[in-house]
Protein backbone atom coordinates (compact mmCIF):
# COMPACT_ATOMS: atom_id res chain seq x y z
CA MET A 1 0.00 0.00 0.00
CA LYS A 2 2.79 2.43 0.98
CA ARG A 3 4.65 1.65 -2.25
CA LEU A 4 1.52 2.42 -4.29
CA ILE A 5 1.10 5.79 -2.55
CA LEU A 6 4.74 6.71 -3.04
CA GLY A 7 4.53 5.62 -6.69
CA GLY A 8 1.50 7.86 -7.26
CA LEU A 9 3.24 10.83 -5.68
CA LEU A 10 6.30 10.24 -7.86
CA ALA A 11 4.02 10.30 -10.92
CA ALA A 12 2.46 13.58 -9.73
CA ALA A 13 5.94 15.05 -9.33
CA ALA A 14 6.77 13.95 -12.87
CA VAL A 15 3.68 15.81 -14.15
CA GLY A 16 4.90 18.87 -12.29
CA CYS A 17 8.27 18.52 -14.00
CA GLY A 18 6.64 18.24 -17.39
CA SER A 19 4.79 21.54 -16.93
CA ALA A 20 7.61 23.29 -15.11
CA GLN A 21 8.35 25.66 -17.96
CA ALA A 22 4.81 27.10 -17.91
CA ALA A 23 5.94 30.35 -16.31
CA ASP A 24 9.38 31.82 -15.67
CA VAL A 25 10.00 33.51 -12.30
CA TYR A 26 13.04 34.43 -10.25
CA ASP A 27 14.73 31.96 -7.90
CA ASP A 28 14.53 31.99 -4.08
CA THR A 29 18.26 31.96 -3.27
CA GLY A 30 18.95 33.57 0.11
CA ALA A 31 15.34 33.52 1.35
CA TRP A 32 14.15 32.14 4.70
CA TYR A 33 10.86 30.28 4.94
CA LEU A 34 8.33 28.86 7.38
CA ALA A 35 6.29 25.79 6.35
CA PRO A 36 3.34 24.72 8.59
CA MET A 37 1.60 21.60 7.22
CA ALA A 38 -1.10 19.12 8.14
CA GLN A 39 0.16 15.55 8.15
CA TYR A 40 -1.30 12.07 7.88
CA THR A 41 0.89 9.17 9.01
CA LEU A 42 0.56 5.63 7.65
CA LEU A 43 2.21 3.66 10.44
CA ASP A 44 4.23 0.50 10.08
CA THR A 45 1.74 -2.39 10.17
CA LYS A 46 3.70 -3.99 13.01
CA ARG A 47 3.12 -1.06 15.33
CA ILE A 48 0.40 -1.51 17.96
CA SER A 49 -1.16 1.91 17.26
CA ARG A 50 -3.23 3.06 14.29
CA ASP A 51 -2.83 5.68 11.54
CA ASN A 52 -3.87 9.22 12.39
CA VAL A 53 -3.48 12.89 11.51
CA GLY A 54 -0.88 15.19 13.00
CA TYR A 55 1.11 18.21 11.93
CA GLN A 56 4.56 19.24 10.79
CA ILE A 57 6.37 22.54 10.81
CA GLY A 58 9.62 23.40 9.10
CA ILE A 59 11.96 26.39 9.23
CA GLY A 60 14.51 26.63 6.45
CA LYS A 61 16.63 28.67 4.10
CA ASP A 62 17.27 28.52 0.35
CA PHE A 63 21.05 28.71 0.42
CA ALA A 64 21.60 28.04 -3.30
CA ARG A 65 19.59 28.12 -6.51
CA ASN A 66 18.53 24.45 -6.27
CA TRP A 67 19.19 23.75 -2.60
CA ALA A 68 17.52 24.43 0.71
CA ALA A 69 18.05 23.19 4.27
CA GLU A 70 15.46 23.09 7.03
CA ILE A 71 14.74 21.96 10.57
CA ASP A 72 11.52 19.94 10.87
CA ALA A 73 9.30 18.94 13.76
CA SER A 74 6.68 16.21 13.16
CA ILE A 75 4.10 15.70 15.93
CA GLY A 76 1.55 12.87 16.04
CA SER A 77 -0.58 10.97 18.56
CA PHE A 78 -1.88 7.51 17.61
CA LYS A 79 -4.52 5.53 19.47
CA ILE A 80 -3.84 1.97 20.59
CA PRO A 81 -6.89 -0.23 19.92
CA GLY A 82 -8.41 -1.92 22.94
CA SER A 83 -6.93 0.55 25.41
CA GLY A 84 -7.37 4.11 26.41
CA ALA A 85 -3.73 4.89 25.75
CA SER A 86 -2.02 6.49 22.77
CA GLN A 87 1.41 6.27 21.28
CA LYS A 88 3.11 9.61 20.80
CA LEU A 89 5.71 10.02 18.04
CA TYR A 90 7.63 13.30 18.02
CA GLY A 91 10.18 13.46 15.21
CA TYR A 92 12.85 16.18 14.93
CA SER A 93 15.12 16.28 11.89
CA VAL A 94 17.49 18.34 9.79
CA ASP A 95 16.64 17.92 6.08
CA ALA A 96 18.10 18.98 2.77
CA LEU A 97 15.94 19.74 -0.29
CA TYR A 98 17.00 19.60 -3.91
CA LYS A 99 14.54 21.58 -6.08
CA PHE A 100 14.08 20.96 -9.79
CA PHE A 101 13.22 23.90 -12.08
CA PRO A 102 13.89 26.67 -9.53
CA SER A 103 12.58 29.33 -11.95
CA SER A 104 9.10 27.85 -12.28
CA PHE A 105 5.79 28.08 -10.46
CA PHE A 106 5.94 24.27 -10.20
CA ARG A 107 9.01 22.99 -8.34
CA PRO A 108 9.23 19.28 -7.64
CA TYR A 109 11.92 18.42 -5.10
CA LEU A 110 13.70 15.59 -3.30
CA ILE A 111 14.03 15.69 0.49
CA GLY A 112 16.17 13.68 2.90
CA GLY A 113 17.65 14.01 6.35
CA PHE A 114 18.41 12.63 9.82
CA GLY A 115 17.19 13.34 13.31
CA VAL A 116 15.83 11.90 16.53
CA MET A 117 12.48 10.31 17.43
CA GLU A 118 10.80 10.65 20.80
CA ASP A 119 8.64 7.51 21.11
CA SER A 120 6.38 7.08 24.17
CA ILE A 121 3.16 5.46 25.35
CA GLY A 122 0.65 7.56 27.28
CA GLY A 123 0.93 6.86 31.00
CA HIS A 124 4.62 5.96 30.85
CA THR A 125 6.92 8.65 32.09
CA GLN A 126 9.90 7.19 30.28
CA ALA A 127 10.17 7.90 26.54
CA ASP A 128 12.49 6.24 24.06
CA HIS A 129 14.78 8.51 22.05
CA SER A 130 16.18 6.94 18.93
CA PRO A 131 17.76 8.06 15.66
CA LEU A 132 15.62 8.48 12.54
CA ALA A 133 16.27 8.83 8.84
CA GLU A 134 13.81 10.00 6.21
CA GLY A 135 13.57 10.67 2.50
CA GLY A 136 10.89 11.48 -0.05
CA ILE A 137 9.53 13.81 -2.69
CA GLY A 138 7.48 16.98 -2.74
CA LEU A 139 6.05 19.72 -4.91
CA LEU A 140 6.01 23.49 -4.38
CA THR A 141 3.34 25.35 -6.35
CA GLY A 142 3.46 29.15 -6.47
CA ILE A 143 0.45 31.09 -5.19
CA GLY A 144 0.30 34.54 -6.74
CA SER A 145 3.41 36.47 -7.74
CA GLN A 146 6.74 34.75 -7.18
CA THR A 147 8.92 37.79 -7.84
CA GLY A 148 8.52 39.79 -4.63
CA ALA A 149 10.53 39.63 -1.40
CA THR A 150 7.65 37.78 0.31
CA ARG A 151 6.23 34.77 -1.52
CA LEU A 152 3.55 32.17 -0.83
CA GLN A 153 3.61 28.57 -2.05
CA PHE A 154 1.46 25.47 -1.65
CA ARG A 155 3.58 22.57 -0.41
CA THR A 156 2.78 18.86 -0.71
CA GLU A 157 5.13 16.13 0.43
CA ALA A 158 5.50 12.39 0.93
CA LYS A 159 8.31 10.89 3.05
CA TYR A 160 9.35 7.47 4.24
CA ARG A 161 10.74 7.57 7.80
CA THR A 162 12.66 4.83 9.62
CA GLU A 163 13.06 4.82 13.41
CA PHE A 164 16.27 3.02 14.47
CA ILE A 165 15.06 1.29 17.64
CA ASN A 166 15.16 -2.24 18.99
CA ALA A 167 12.01 -4.34 19.42
CA ARG A 168 9.99 -3.63 22.61
CA TYR A 169 6.86 -5.06 24.10
CA PHE A 170 4.85 -2.27 22.44
CA GLY A 171 6.77 -1.89 19.19
CA PRO A 172 8.75 -3.66 16.43
CA LYS A 173 12.39 -3.25 15.56
CA GLN A 174 13.19 -0.34 13.19
CA PRO A 175 9.60 0.44 12.12
CA GLY A 176 9.05 2.40 8.87
CA ASP A 177 6.23 4.92 8.44
CA VAL A 178 4.91 6.93 5.47
CA LEU A 179 4.15 10.63 6.12
CA LEU A 180 1.85 12.55 3.78
CA SER A 181 1.84 16.34 4.30
CA ALA A 182 0.15 19.37 2.75
CA GLY A 183 0.24 23.02 3.74
CA ILE A 184 1.72 26.38 2.86
CA GLN A 185 5.22 27.75 2.73
CA VAL A 186 5.75 31.44 3.47
CA MET A 187 9.02 32.88 2.21
CA PHE A 188 10.77 36.03 3.47
CA GLY A 189 13.65 38.05 2.09
CA ALA A 190 13.66 36.60 -1.41
CA PRO A 191 15.81 38.51 -3.91
CA VAL A 192 13.89 41.11 -5.91
CA PRO A 193 15.24 41.79 -9.41
CA GLU A 194 15.86 45.27 -10.68
CA PRO A 195 13.11 46.56 -12.98
CA PRO A 196 14.07 46.43 -16.64
CA LYS A 197 15.32 49.65 -18.14
CA PRO A 198 12.81 51.27 -20.47
CA VAL A 199 13.57 50.90 -24.15
CA VAL A 200 13.15 54.11 -26.07
CA ILE A 201 11.77 53.45 -29.54
CA PRO A 202 11.83 56.33 -32.00
CA PRO A 203 8.41 57.23 -33.42
CA LYS A 204 7.53 55.83 -36.82
CA LEU A 205 6.73 58.12 -39.74
CA ASP A 206 3.20 58.65 -41.06
CA SER A 207 3.73 60.77 -44.18
CA ASP A 208 0.06 61.14 -45.20
CA GLY A 209 -1.21 61.64 -41.63
CA ASP A 210 -3.89 58.93 -41.82
CA GLY A 211 -2.88 57.29 -38.53
CA VAL A 212 -1.12 54.33 -40.19
CA THR A 213 2.66 54.41 -40.13
CA ASP A 214 4.60 54.28 -43.38
CA ASP A 215 6.08 50.83 -42.71
CA ILE A 216 2.65 49.16 -43.01
CA ASP A 217 0.75 51.76 -45.09
CA ARG A 218 -0.32 50.14 -48.37
CA CYS A 219 -1.91 53.37 -49.63
CA PRO A 220 0.73 56.01 -48.73
CA ASN A 221 -0.95 59.01 -50.41
CA THR A 222 -4.42 58.94 -48.87
CA PRO A 223 -6.16 62.37 -49.01
CA ALA A 224 -6.24 64.27 -45.73
CA GLY A 225 -9.27 63.43 -43.56
CA ALA A 226 -10.15 60.21 -45.38
CA LYS A 227 -11.19 57.25 -43.21
CA VAL A 228 -8.83 54.32 -43.65
CA ASP A 229 -8.51 50.67 -42.57
CA GLN A 230 -5.61 49.13 -40.62
CA PHE A 231 -3.44 49.16 -43.74
CA GLY A 232 -3.99 52.84 -44.52
CA CYS A 233 -6.37 52.32 -47.44
CA GLU A 234 -9.78 53.97 -47.79
CA PHE A 235 -12.81 51.80 -47.07
CA ASP A 236 -14.68 50.14 -49.94
CA GLN A 237 -17.54 48.38 -48.17
CA ASP A 238 -19.14 46.85 -51.27
CA GLY A 239 -15.80 45.84 -52.82
CA ASP A 240 -16.53 47.38 -56.22
CA GLY A 241 -13.17 49.15 -56.50
CA VAL A 242 -14.60 52.63 -55.79
CA VAL A 243 -13.83 53.93 -52.28
CA ASP A 244 -16.76 54.85 -50.06
CA ARG A 245 -15.83 58.56 -50.17
CA LEU A 246 -16.58 58.60 -53.94
CA ASP A 247 -19.12 55.77 -54.17
CA GLN A 248 -22.63 57.01 -55.04
CA CYS A 249 -24.02 53.45 -54.95
CA PRO A 250 -22.46 52.05 -51.73
CA ASP A 251 -24.43 48.79 -51.69
CA THR A 252 -23.58 47.40 -55.13
CA PRO A 253 -23.73 43.55 -55.11
CA ARG A 254 -20.37 41.80 -55.19
CA GLY A 255 -18.99 41.22 -58.69
CA THR A 256 -21.23 43.79 -60.40
CA PRO A 257 -19.38 45.90 -63.02
CA VAL A 258 -19.59 49.58 -62.01
CA ASP A 259 -18.81 52.99 -63.44
CA ALA A 260 -16.50 55.65 -61.97
CA LYS A 261 -19.18 56.61 -59.43
CA GLY A 262 -19.48 53.05 -58.14
CA CYS A 263 -22.91 52.44 -59.69
CA PRO A 264 -23.82 49.36 -61.79
CA LEU A 265 -23.27 49.79 -65.53
CA ASP A 266 -26.45 50.59 -67.50
CA SER A 267 -25.44 50.74 -71.18
CA ASP A 268 -28.87 51.65 -72.60
CA GLY A 269 -29.75 54.09 -69.79
CA ASP A 270 -33.09 52.49 -68.95
CA GLY A 271 -32.37 52.34 -65.22
CA VAL A 272 -31.83 48.55 -65.20
CA PRO A 273 -28.21 47.38 -64.65
CA ASP A 274 -26.65 45.40 -67.48
CA THR A 275 -26.27 42.35 -65.22
CA ILE A 276 -30.07 41.78 -65.13
CA ASP A 277 -31.16 43.63 -68.30
CA LYS A 278 -32.87 41.09 -70.58
CA CYS A 279 -33.46 43.74 -73.26
CA PRO A 280 -30.07 45.55 -73.36
CA ASN A 281 -30.82 47.82 -76.32
CA THR A 282 -34.09 49.43 -75.22
CA PRO A 283 -34.81 52.70 -77.10
CA LYS A 284 -34.18 55.85 -75.10
CA GLY A 285 -37.24 57.04 -73.19
CA ASP A 286 -39.13 53.72 -73.17
CA LYS A 287 -40.74 52.68 -69.93
CA VAL A 288 -39.32 49.32 -68.98
CA ASP A 289 -40.15 46.57 -66.51
CA SER A 290 -37.88 45.30 -63.75
CA VAL A 291 -35.78 43.29 -66.23
CA GLY A 292 -35.30 46.16 -68.72
CA CYS A 293 -37.88 45.29 -71.38
CA THR A 294 -40.28 47.84 -72.88
CA ILE A 295 -43.75 47.95 -71.32
CA LYS A 296 -46.60 48.20 -73.81
CA ASP A 297 -50.10 47.45 -72.59
CA GLU A 298 -49.48 44.43 -70.40
CA ILE A 299 -46.88 43.13 -67.94
CA LYS A 300 -46.56 39.38 -68.38
CA LEU A 301 -45.84 37.09 -65.47
CA HIS A 302 -44.42 34.01 -67.20
CA GLY A 303 -43.85 31.21 -64.69
CA VAL A 304 -46.47 32.16 -62.10
CA ASN A 305 -48.23 28.89 -61.21
CA PHE A 306 -50.71 27.57 -58.67
CA ALA A 307 -51.42 24.29 -56.94
CA THR A 308 -53.77 22.02 -58.96
CA ASP A 309 -57.36 23.34 -58.98
CA SER A 310 -56.34 25.96 -56.38
CA ALA A 311 -55.53 29.63 -55.96
CA ASP A 312 -52.52 28.88 -53.77
CA LEU A 313 -49.29 30.13 -55.36
CA VAL A 314 -46.44 27.62 -55.63
CA GLN A 315 -43.11 28.70 -54.18
CA ALA A 316 -41.41 28.94 -57.57
CA SER A 317 -43.76 31.83 -58.48
CA ASP A 318 -42.16 34.11 -55.88
CA VAL A 319 -39.25 35.18 -58.10
CA ILE A 320 -41.49 36.20 -61.04
CA LEU A 321 -43.95 38.03 -58.80
CA SER A 322 -41.12 39.94 -57.13
CA TYR A 323 -40.08 41.21 -60.59
CA GLY A 324 -43.67 42.29 -61.19
CA ALA A 325 -43.81 44.08 -57.84
CA ASP A 326 -40.53 45.91 -58.56
CA THR A 327 -41.86 47.09 -61.94
CA LEU A 328 -45.08 48.51 -60.45
CA LYS A 329 -43.10 50.29 -57.72
CA LYS A 330 -41.18 52.12 -60.49
CA TYR A 331 -44.48 53.40 -61.93
CA PRO A 332 -46.90 53.91 -59.02
CA ASN A 333 -49.35 55.92 -61.22
CA LEU A 334 -50.24 52.93 -63.41
CA VAL A 335 -53.77 51.63 -62.91
CA ILE A 336 -53.70 47.84 -63.16
CA GLU A 337 -56.24 45.09 -63.76
CA VAL A 338 -54.90 41.74 -62.57
CA ARG A 339 -56.31 39.23 -65.06
CA GLY A 340 -56.64 35.50 -64.40
CA HIS A 341 -57.02 32.84 -67.14
CA THR A 342 -57.42 29.03 -67.22
CA ASP A 343 -57.23 26.31 -69.85
CA SER A 344 -60.36 24.66 -71.31
CA ARG A 345 -60.53 21.67 -68.96
CA GLY A 346 -63.47 21.74 -66.54
CA SER A 347 -66.74 23.67 -66.76
CA LYS A 348 -66.84 27.31 -67.79
CA LYS A 349 -68.45 28.29 -64.51
CA HIS A 350 -65.80 26.51 -62.45
CA ASN A 351 -62.95 27.98 -64.52
CA LEU A 352 -64.41 31.48 -64.23
CA LEU A 353 -64.49 31.26 -60.42
CA LEU A 354 -61.02 29.66 -60.28
CA SER A 355 -59.46 32.37 -62.48
CA GLN A 356 -61.06 35.08 -60.30
CA ARG A 357 -59.57 33.56 -57.12
CA ARG A 358 -56.17 33.27 -58.78
CA ALA A 359 -56.23 36.91 -59.93
CA GLU A 360 -57.14 37.97 -56.38
CA SER A 361 -54.31 35.82 -54.98
CA VAL A 362 -51.74 37.60 -57.19
CA MET A 363 -53.17 41.03 -56.33
CA ARG A 364 -52.95 40.20 -52.62
CA TYR A 365 -49.30 39.15 -53.03
CA LEU A 366 -48.42 42.42 -54.76
CA LYS A 367 -50.04 44.53 -52.03
CA GLU A 368 -48.33 42.53 -49.30
CA HIS A 369 -45.00 43.25 -51.01
CA GLY A 370 -45.34 47.04 -51.04
CA VAL A 371 -47.18 47.75 -54.32
CA THR A 372 -49.37 50.88 -53.92
CA ASN A 373 -50.84 51.10 -57.45
CA THR A 374 -54.58 51.16 -57.93
CA MET A 375 -55.47 47.52 -58.76
CA THR A 376 -58.52 45.41 -59.45
CA ALA A 377 -58.73 41.65 -60.01
CA LYS A 378 -60.83 39.94 -62.67
CA GLY A 379 -61.09 36.34 -63.81
CA TYR A 380 -61.70 35.49 -67.48
CA GLY A 381 -61.92 31.74 -67.13
CA GLN A 382 -61.11 29.83 -70.31
CA GLU A 383 -61.84 32.79 -72.59
CA ASN A 384 -59.09 34.46 -74.61
CA PRO A 385 -56.69 31.47 -75.01
CA ILE A 386 -53.25 32.30 -76.43
CA ALA A 387 -52.30 28.72 -77.32
CA ASP A 388 -53.85 25.38 -78.41
CA ASN A 389 -55.82 23.79 -75.54
CA ARG A 390 -55.45 20.38 -77.24
CA THR A 391 -51.79 20.11 -76.18
CA GLU A 392 -50.24 20.09 -72.69
CA GLU A 393 -47.87 22.87 -73.70
CA GLY A 394 -50.76 24.99 -74.98
CA ARG A 395 -52.83 24.47 -71.85
CA LEU A 396 -49.82 25.48 -69.69
CA GLU A 397 -49.57 28.81 -71.58
CA ASN A 398 -53.30 29.43 -71.24
CA ARG A 399 -53.15 29.02 -67.43
CA ARG A 400 -51.75 32.50 -66.78
CA VAL A 401 -52.08 35.74 -64.83
CA THR A 402 -51.17 39.10 -66.41
CA LEU A 403 -51.07 42.73 -65.29
CA ARG A 404 -53.13 44.75 -67.75
CA ILE A 405 -52.38 48.50 -67.84
CA ILE A 406 -55.70 50.39 -67.77
CA SER A 407 -54.35 53.97 -67.49
CA GLY A 408 -51.54 56.13 -66.16
CA PHE A 409 -49.05 55.08 -68.80
């Protein structure tokens, strides 16, 4: 059992060694310290008394970078089963410590020394005094700063102690005990390093006065007062190559070709950027829809569809209807009749009602998306076909909704 405990503590010390370079601090050479600790003693199994807690106190000095020496007192009282008496073990020793990694917050160390044991049984006036030897491992862990004259450390320790005594009626010959200790170590008079001398760094140049020094300024001739990024270049939020200070269209979509003012190119001047203009050569002055094509008497909504025998718009119709809404917003004075049509399948009465509901559905969509034009909805059923109802393709064309311009053009 004692070997297992000592093995575990050795492993813990090894972990401390492995992380010892975590933080660099100054050594403790020349400092005095006081180390009060709680202690638990695992007694030799041949002793008549039982394991118990006690305490230990050490006074020492760090006389070299890796070395310290201390005087220790270990006090413990251990009950003897079946009696009202206790065995008292008072150990006094002079120990040497060898500390690994003296410039770290984590300092594993080896400890060993010699001393004398006062061994007595309660009720007996005569105590045995015998030599002792001990050795073990420990770990000092810094608490707070370790650079001042006064320092605080958490100390854990495990030692094996042998008492050199002959067998008696209440004890074995040369018993060996394991002592486990934990407490604090307060250090006084540790060396305090001189503060580092300030390094004077000459100021860096900033020729254009934009707040970014010349050594990292990628745009060295920025106009005075211009707002710049960390590299000294003016901001271009939409990435169109025209800086925000000059950009008259600051929200141009990425990748859109722009003119010198940062606005999308519009070669035919119809107000629709070339990137979405489906009729790029519109005559000057023509009123155009949202995709740049000339408006005559009707705005077609190719691709607007509904669920079978229903006025519910399918999701794919949203794109086309948004184009229609954008066109009407350009010309809010247009008076519109939303016309619904069906193919020839089904009765005329049914188709008339269905086309009316579909026209109203489109009109409702347009209003919900910000269209303020004067609008009415009317269903024409299967009247006015534009394709052959005998083919599937023809029937698909006949199932349509259009925006008829009544006035305001």
